[in-house]
Amino acid sequence: MVRIQDSADVSPDAVIGEGSSIWHLAQVREGAVLGENCIVGRGAYVGTGVKMGDNCKLQNYALVYEPAELEDGVFVGPAVVFTNDHFPRSIDPDGKLKRGDDWEPVGVTCKKGSSIGARAVCVAPVTIGSWAMVAAGAVVTKDVPDFALVAGVPAKRIRWVGRAGVPLERGDAEGLWVCPQTGAQYQEQDETLVEVTQ
């Protein structure tokens, strides 16, 4: 069952997956595709043609502009903004109002399990890696590696995080990192982190 609050504005041309909820004053535009069990919070915006996988959460007042793509299990915190224009202008050089086809939209891509903290801004085009975490208030201007925790303006990697989202601790071997919550192990090499399969 899909739950859509009466005050939400959901286009009949949007595709909403089973078990999803769209809360008060949210807007989901035409051509948007939401997977199963997604949550779109109060006042959130999902742009034309945005694609969301299963089990995604958009918190209150998050603004996800097209052509953003969110894979399964992405968390987007309150008041997060995904931009979509390299060089935003309201008017062209002659002073005429720009139209929809006067610019080339660029998108933010969020890989599986990634999380974007409250009031962060992701400046397209960027990719947020799998299981990565963007700290609250960060401004992301370049791609974020898998499992990276980035913070600041502009955002820089400050730690590694595992699937559980908690910062990893150094292991016994060179480049080995361990999740203190799950015990999962990760190997760092050349500024990238990969899971160690048991």
C-alpha atoms as a PDB file:
ATOM      1  CA  MET A   1       0.000   0.000   0.000  1.00  0.00           C
ATOM      2  CA  VAL A   2       1.209   3.506  -0.858  1.00  0.00           C
ATOM      3  CA  ARG A   3       0.448   6.279   1.640  1.00  0.00           C
ATOM      4  CA  ILE A   4       0.150   9.843   0.280  1.00  0.00           C
ATOM      5  CA  GLN A   5      -1.022  12.640   2.576  1.00  0.00           C
ATOM      6  CA  ASP A   6      -3.802  14.838   1.206  1.00  0.00           C
ATOM      7  CA  SER A   7      -1.633  17.978   1.263  1.00  0.00           C
ATOM      8  CA  ALA A   8       1.147  16.346  -0.808  1.00  0.00           C
ATOM      9  CA  ASP A   9       1.407  17.208  -4.515  1.00  0.00           C
ATOM     10  CA  VAL A  10       2.195  14.001  -6.398  1.00  0.00           C
ATOM     11  CA  SER A  11       2.060  13.935 -10.186  1.00  0.00           C
ATOM     12  CA  PRO A  12      -0.113  11.191 -11.680  1.00  0.00           C
ATOM     13  CA  ASP A  13       2.874  10.539 -13.981  1.00  0.00           C
ATOM     14  CA  ALA A  14       5.162   9.667 -11.048  1.00  0.00           C
ATOM     15  CA  VAL A  15       5.737   6.007 -10.197  1.00  0.00           C
ATOM     16  CA  ILE A  16       5.541   5.275  -6.476  1.00  0.00           C
ATOM     17  CA  GLY A  17       6.654   1.859  -5.222  1.00  0.00           C
ATOM     18  CA  GLU A  18       4.682  -0.349  -2.868  1.00  0.00           C
ATOM     19  CA  GLY A  19       4.980   0.544   0.816  1.00  0.00           C
ATOM     20  CA  SER A  20       6.186   4.102   0.184  1.00  0.00           C
ATOM     21  CA  SER A  21       4.939   7.136   2.149  1.00  0.00           C
ATOM     22  CA  ILE A  22       4.757  10.754   0.994  1.00  0.00           C
ATOM     23  CA  TRP A  23       4.097  13.201   3.797  1.00  0.00           C
ATOM     24  CA  HIS A  24       2.469  16.623   4.178  1.00  0.00           C
ATOM     25  CA  LEU A  25       3.310  19.341   1.638  1.00  0.00           C
ATOM     26  CA  ALA A  26       5.856  17.187  -0.222  1.00  0.00           C
ATOM     27  CA  GLN A  27       6.001  17.459  -4.011  1.00  0.00           C
ATOM     28  CA  VAL A  28       6.857  14.604  -6.379  1.00  0.00           C
ATOM     29  CA  ARG A  29       7.080  15.712 -10.011  1.00  0.00           C
ATOM     30  CA  GLU A  30       6.151  13.965 -13.269  1.00  0.00           C
ATOM     31  CA  GLY A  31       8.367  11.106 -14.349  1.00  0.00           C
ATOM     32  CA  ALA A  32       9.889  10.615 -10.893  1.00  0.00           C
ATOM     33  CA  VAL A  33      10.341   6.964  -9.961  1.00  0.00           C
ATOM     34  CA  LEU A  34      10.399   5.915  -6.302  1.00  0.00           C
ATOM     35  CA  GLY A  35      11.167   2.330  -5.339  1.00  0.00           C
ATOM     36  CA  GLU A  36       9.499   0.293  -2.618  1.00  0.00           C
ATOM     37  CA  ASN A  37       9.326   1.418   1.023  1.00  0.00           C
ATOM     38  CA  CYS A  38      10.573   4.958   0.394  1.00  0.00           C
ATOM     39  CA  ILE A  39       9.778   7.859   2.714  1.00  0.00           C
ATOM     40  CA  VAL A  40       9.432  11.424   1.438  1.00  0.00           C
ATOM     41  CA  GLY A  41       9.212  13.793   4.411  1.00  0.00           C
ATOM     42  CA  ARG A  42       7.208  16.942   4.978  1.00  0.00           C
ATOM     43  CA  GLY A  43       7.916  19.661   2.424  1.00  0.00           C
ATOM     44  CA  ALA A  44      10.489  17.599   0.493  1.00  0.00           C
ATOM     45  CA  TYR A  45      10.817  18.044  -3.264  1.00  0.00           C
ATOM     46  CA  VAL A  46      11.511  15.291  -5.808  1.00  0.00           C
ATOM     47  CA  GLY A  47      12.191  16.714  -9.265  1.00  0.00           C
ATOM     48  CA  THR A  48      11.064  15.622 -12.711  1.00  0.00           C
ATOM     49  CA  GLY A  49      12.500  12.233 -13.641  1.00  0.00           C
ATOM     50  CA  VAL A  50      14.440  11.731 -10.394  1.00  0.00           C
ATOM     51  CA  LYS A  51      15.094   8.032  -9.782  1.00  0.00           C
ATOM     52  CA  MET A  52      15.110   6.541  -6.279  1.00  0.00           C
ATOM     53  CA  GLY A  53      15.759   2.911  -5.387  1.00  0.00           C
ATOM     54  CA  ASP A  54      14.107   0.906  -2.611  1.00  0.00           C
ATOM     55  CA  ASN A  55      14.214   1.896   1.084  1.00  0.00           C
ATOM     56  CA  CYS A  56      15.317   5.513   0.544  1.00  0.00           C
ATOM     57  CA  LYS A  57      14.513   8.242   3.066  1.00  0.00           C
ATOM     58  CA  LEU A  58      14.179  11.920   2.193  1.00  0.00           C
ATOM     59  CA  GLN A  59      13.805  13.885   5.412  1.00  0.00           C
ATOM     60  CA  ASN A  60      11.781  17.089   5.802  1.00  0.00           C
ATOM     61  CA  TYR A  61      12.452  19.868   3.286  1.00  0.00           C
ATOM     62  CA  ALA A  62      15.119  17.972   1.327  1.00  0.00           C
ATOM     63  CA  LEU A  63      15.351  19.295  -2.248  1.00  0.00           C
ATOM     64  CA  VAL A  64      16.309  16.645  -4.791  1.00  0.00           C
ATOM     65  CA  TYR A  65      16.474  18.273  -8.214  1.00  0.00           C
ATOM     66  CA  GLU A  66      16.568  16.361 -11.476  1.00  0.00           C
ATOM     67  CA  PRO A  67      18.402  14.470 -12.835  1.00  0.00           C
ATOM     68  CA  ALA A  68      19.477  13.057  -9.443  1.00  0.00           C
ATOM     69  CA  GLU A  69      19.701   9.280  -9.008  1.00  0.00           C
ATOM     70  CA  LEU A  70      19.563   7.541  -5.628  1.00  0.00           C
ATOM     71  CA  GLU A  71      20.343   3.844  -5.365  1.00  0.00           C
ATOM     72  CA  ASP A  72      18.823   1.551  -2.710  1.00  0.00           C
ATOM     73  CA  GLY A  73      18.975   2.587   0.934  1.00  0.00           C
ATOM     74  CA  VAL A  74      20.048   6.220   0.520  1.00  0.00           C
ATOM     75  CA  PHE A  75      19.390   8.629   3.414  1.00  0.00           C
ATOM     76  CA  VAL A  76      18.958  12.343   2.643  1.00  0.00           C
ATOM     77  CA  GLY A  77      18.754  14.477   5.800  1.00  0.00           C
ATOM     78  CA  PRO A  78      16.580  17.486   6.572  1.00  0.00           C
ATOM     79  CA  ALA A  79      16.992  20.531   4.309  1.00  0.00           C
ATOM     80  CA  VAL A  80      19.652  18.903   2.099  1.00  0.00           C
ATOM     81  CA  VAL A  81      19.988  20.460  -1.366  1.00  0.00           C
ATOM     82  CA  PHE A  82      21.118  18.693  -4.557  1.00  0.00           C
ATOM     83  CA  THR A  83      21.923  21.296  -7.235  1.00  0.00           C
ATOM     84  CA  ASN A  84      21.566  20.659 -10.968  1.00  0.00           C
ATOM     85  CA  ASP A  85      23.116  23.523 -12.944  1.00  0.00           C
ATOM     86  CA  HIS A  86      26.799  24.269 -13.678  1.00  0.00           C
ATOM     87  CA  PHE A  87      26.257  27.996 -14.159  1.00  0.00           C
ATOM     88  CA  PRO A  88      22.860  29.068 -12.774  1.00  0.00           C
ATOM     89  CA  ARG A  89      21.351  32.267 -14.142  1.00  0.00           C
ATOM     90  CA  SER A  90      17.777  33.511 -14.250  1.00  0.00           C
ATOM     91  CA  ILE A  91      18.397  35.447 -17.469  1.00  0.00           C
ATOM     92  CA  ASP A  92      20.577  35.089 -20.553  1.00  0.00           C
ATOM     93  CA  PRO A  93      23.256  37.689 -21.488  1.00  0.00           C
ATOM     94  CA  ASP A  94      20.610  39.740 -23.321  1.00  0.00           C
ATOM     95  CA  GLY A  95      18.452  39.972 -20.196  1.00  0.00           C
ATOM     96  CA  LYS A  96      15.764  37.553 -21.376  1.00  0.00           C
ATOM     97  CA  LEU A  97      14.313  35.045 -18.945  1.00  0.00           C
ATOM     98  CA  LYS A  98      15.951  31.665 -19.431  1.00  0.00           C
ATOM     99  CA  ARG A  99      13.682  28.783 -20.394  1.00  0.00           C
ATOM    100  CA  GLY A 100      13.829  25.115 -19.523  1.00  0.00           C
ATOM    101  CA  ASP A 101      15.827  24.210 -22.633  1.00  0.00           C
ATOM    102  CA  ASP A 102      18.372  27.033 -22.182  1.00  0.00           C
ATOM    103  CA  TRP A 103      20.620  25.026 -19.885  1.00  0.00           C
ATOM    104  CA  GLU A 104      22.049  21.540 -19.467  1.00  0.00           C
ATOM    105  CA  PRO A 105      20.964  19.836 -16.238  1.00  0.00           C
ATOM    106  CA  VAL A 106      23.595  17.880 -14.299  1.00  0.00           C
ATOM    107  CA  GLY A 107      22.815  15.538 -11.434  1.00  0.00           C
ATOM    108  CA  VAL A 108      23.914  14.148  -8.102  1.00  0.00           C
ATOM    109  CA  THR A 109      24.294  10.365  -7.891  1.00  0.00           C
ATOM    110  CA  CYS A 110      24.071   8.646  -4.493  1.00  0.00           C
ATOM    111  CA  LYS A 111      25.289   5.049  -4.419  1.00  0.00           C
ATOM    112  CA  LYS A 112      23.803   2.274  -2.272  1.00  0.00           C
ATOM    113  CA  GLY A 113      23.586   2.930   1.455  1.00  0.00           C
ATOM    114  CA  SER A 114      25.052   6.445   1.357  1.00  0.00           C
ATOM    115  CA  SER A 115      23.892   9.143   3.799  1.00  0.00           C
ATOM    116  CA  ILE A 116      23.744  12.918   3.416  1.00  0.00           C
ATOM    117  CA  GLY A 117      23.592  14.901   6.687  1.00  0.00           C
ATOM    118  CA  ALA A 118      21.224  17.750   7.495  1.00  0.00           C
ATOM    119  CA  ARG A 119      21.613  20.985   5.499  1.00  0.00           C
ATOM    120  CA  ALA A 120      24.435  19.592   3.366  1.00  0.00           C
ATOM    121  CA  VAL A 121      24.685  20.852  -0.214  1.00  0.00           C
ATOM    122  CA  CYS A 122      25.820  18.554  -3.031  1.00  0.00           C
ATOM    123  CA  VAL A 123      26.947  20.609  -6.031  1.00  0.00           C
ATOM    124  CA  ALA A 124      26.278  18.624  -9.203  1.00  0.00           C
ATOM    125  CA  PRO A 125      27.733  16.794 -10.941  1.00  0.00           C
ATOM    126  CA  VAL A 126      29.047  14.650  -8.075  1.00  0.00           C
ATOM    127  CA  THR A 127      28.794  11.015  -7.028  1.00  0.00           C
ATOM    128  CA  ILE A 128      28.488  10.018  -3.382  1.00  0.00           C
ATOM    129  CA  GLY A 129      30.025   6.538  -3.052  1.00  0.00           C
ATOM    130  CA  SER A 130      28.432   3.435  -1.556  1.00  0.00           C
ATOM    131  CA  TRP A 131      28.017   3.590   2.237  1.00  0.00           C
ATOM    132  CA  ALA A 132      29.712   7.011   2.303  1.00  0.00           C
ATOM    133  CA  MET A 133      28.561   9.681   4.736  1.00  0.00           C
ATOM    134  CA  VAL A 134      28.365  13.434   4.227  1.00  0.00           C
ATOM    135  CA  ALA A 135      28.437  15.397   7.506  1.00  0.00           C
ATOM    136  CA  ALA A 136      25.754  17.921   8.359  1.00  0.00           C
ATOM    137  CA  GLY A 137      26.357  21.309   6.763  1.00  0.00           C
ATOM    138  CA  ALA A 138      29.054  20.075   4.362  1.00  0.00           C
ATOM    139  CA  VAL A 139      29.343  21.392   0.811  1.00  0.00           C
ATOM    140  CA  VAL A 140      30.294  18.572  -1.569  1.00  0.00           C
ATOM    141  CA  THR A 141      32.045  19.775  -4.720  1.00  0.00           C
ATOM    142  CA  LYS A 142      33.831  16.580  -5.822  1.00  0.00           C
ATOM    143  CA  ASP A 143      33.122  12.853  -5.838  1.00  0.00           C
ATOM    144  CA  VAL A 144      33.107  11.070  -2.471  1.00  0.00           C
ATOM    145  CA  PRO A 145      34.751   7.609  -2.320  1.00  0.00           C
ATOM    146  CA  ASP A 146      32.934   4.530  -1.023  1.00  0.00           C
ATOM    147  CA  PHE A 147      32.914   4.391   2.825  1.00  0.00           C
ATOM    148  CA  ALA A 148      34.312   7.935   3.186  1.00  0.00           C
ATOM    149  CA  LEU A 149      33.115  10.351   5.864  1.00  0.00           C
ATOM    150  CA  VAL A 150      33.446  13.875   4.485  1.00  0.00           C
ATOM    151  CA  ALA A 151      32.904  17.179   6.285  1.00  0.00           C
ATOM    152  CA  GLY A 152      33.514  20.885   5.845  1.00  0.00           C
ATOM    153  CA  VAL A 153      33.332  23.557   3.152  1.00  0.00           C
ATOM    154  CA  PRO A 154      34.438  22.294   0.723  1.00  0.00           C
ATOM    155  CA  ALA A 155      33.965  18.742   2.000  1.00  0.00           C
ATOM    156  CA  LYS A 156      37.085  16.642   2.616  1.00  0.00           C
ATOM    157  CA  ARG A 157      37.491  13.091   3.877  1.00  0.00           C
ATOM    158  CA  ILE A 158      38.103  13.051   7.619  1.00  0.00           C
ATOM    159  CA  ARG A 159      37.479   9.360   8.445  1.00  0.00           C
ATOM    160  CA  TRP A 160      36.341   6.045   7.034  1.00  0.00           C
ATOM    161  CA  VAL A 161      32.960   4.557   7.992  1.00  0.00           C
ATOM    162  CA  GLY A 162      31.579   1.047   7.555  1.00  0.00           C
ATOM    163  CA  ARG A 163      28.129  -0.147   6.585  1.00  0.00           C
ATOM    164  CA  ALA A 164      26.902   0.549  10.136  1.00  0.00           C
ATOM    165  CA  GLY A 165      27.811   4.235   9.716  1.00  0.00           C
ATOM    166  CA  VAL A 166      30.181   4.448  12.697  1.00  0.00           C
ATOM    167  CA  PRO A 167      33.815   5.539  12.234  1.00  0.00           C
ATOM    168  CA  LEU A 168      36.217   2.650  11.647  1.00  0.00           C
ATOM    169  CA  GLU A 169      39.190   1.904  13.899  1.00  0.00           C
ATOM    170  CA  ARG A 170      42.669   0.832  12.808  1.00  0.00           C
ATOM    171  CA  GLY A 171      43.240  -2.910  12.677  1.00  0.00           C
ATOM    172  CA  ASP A 172      46.363  -4.964  13.387  1.00  0.00           C
ATOM    173  CA  ALA A 173      47.665  -5.098   9.807  1.00  0.00           C
ATOM    174  CA  GLU A 174      48.821  -2.292   7.508  1.00  0.00           C
ATOM    175  CA  GLY A 175      45.849  -0.515   5.938  1.00  0.00           C
ATOM    176  CA  LEU A 176      43.316  -2.649   7.831  1.00  0.00           C
ATOM    177  CA  TRP A 177      40.273  -0.975   9.371  1.00  0.00           C
ATOM    178  CA  VAL A 178      37.655  -2.578  11.636  1.00  0.00           C
ATOM    179  CA  CYS A 179      34.078  -1.596  12.469  1.00  0.00           C
ATOM    180  CA  PRO A 180      33.768  -1.406  16.281  1.00  0.00           C
ATOM    181  CA  GLN A 181      30.065  -2.208  16.052  1.00  0.00           C
ATOM    182  CA  THR A 182      29.967  -5.190  13.669  1.00  0.00           C
ATOM    183  CA  GLY A 183      33.569  -6.407  13.550  1.00  0.00           C
ATOM    184  CA  ALA A 184      33.564  -6.144   9.748  1.00  0.00           C
ATOM    185  CA  GLN A 185      36.994  -5.530   8.219  1.00  0.00           C
ATOM    186  CA  TYR A 186      38.001  -3.130   5.454  1.00  0.00           C
ATOM    187  CA  GLN A 187      41.256  -2.675   3.548  1.00  0.00           C
ATOM    188  CA  GLU A 188      42.607   0.753   2.563  1.00  0.00           C
ATOM    189  CA  GLN A 189      44.780   1.143  -0.499  1.00  0.00           C
ATOM    190  CA  ASP A 190      45.513   4.229  -2.618  1.00  0.00           C
ATOM    191  CA  GLU A 191      42.867   6.381  -0.896  1.00  0.00           C
ATOM    192  CA  THR A 192      40.143   3.790  -1.436  1.00  0.00           C
ATOM    193  CA  LEU A 193      38.519   1.368   0.983  1.00  0.00           C
ATOM    194  CA  VAL A 194      37.091  -2.062   0.165  1.00  0.00           C
ATOM    195  CA  GLU A 195      35.373  -4.658   2.303  1.00  0.00           C
ATOM    196  CA  VAL A 196      37.380  -7.711   3.285  1.00  0.00           C
ATOM    197  CA  THR A 197      35.354 -10.797   2.452  1.00  0.00           C
ATOM    198  CA  GLN A 198      35.614 -13.563   5.020  1.00  0.00           C
END
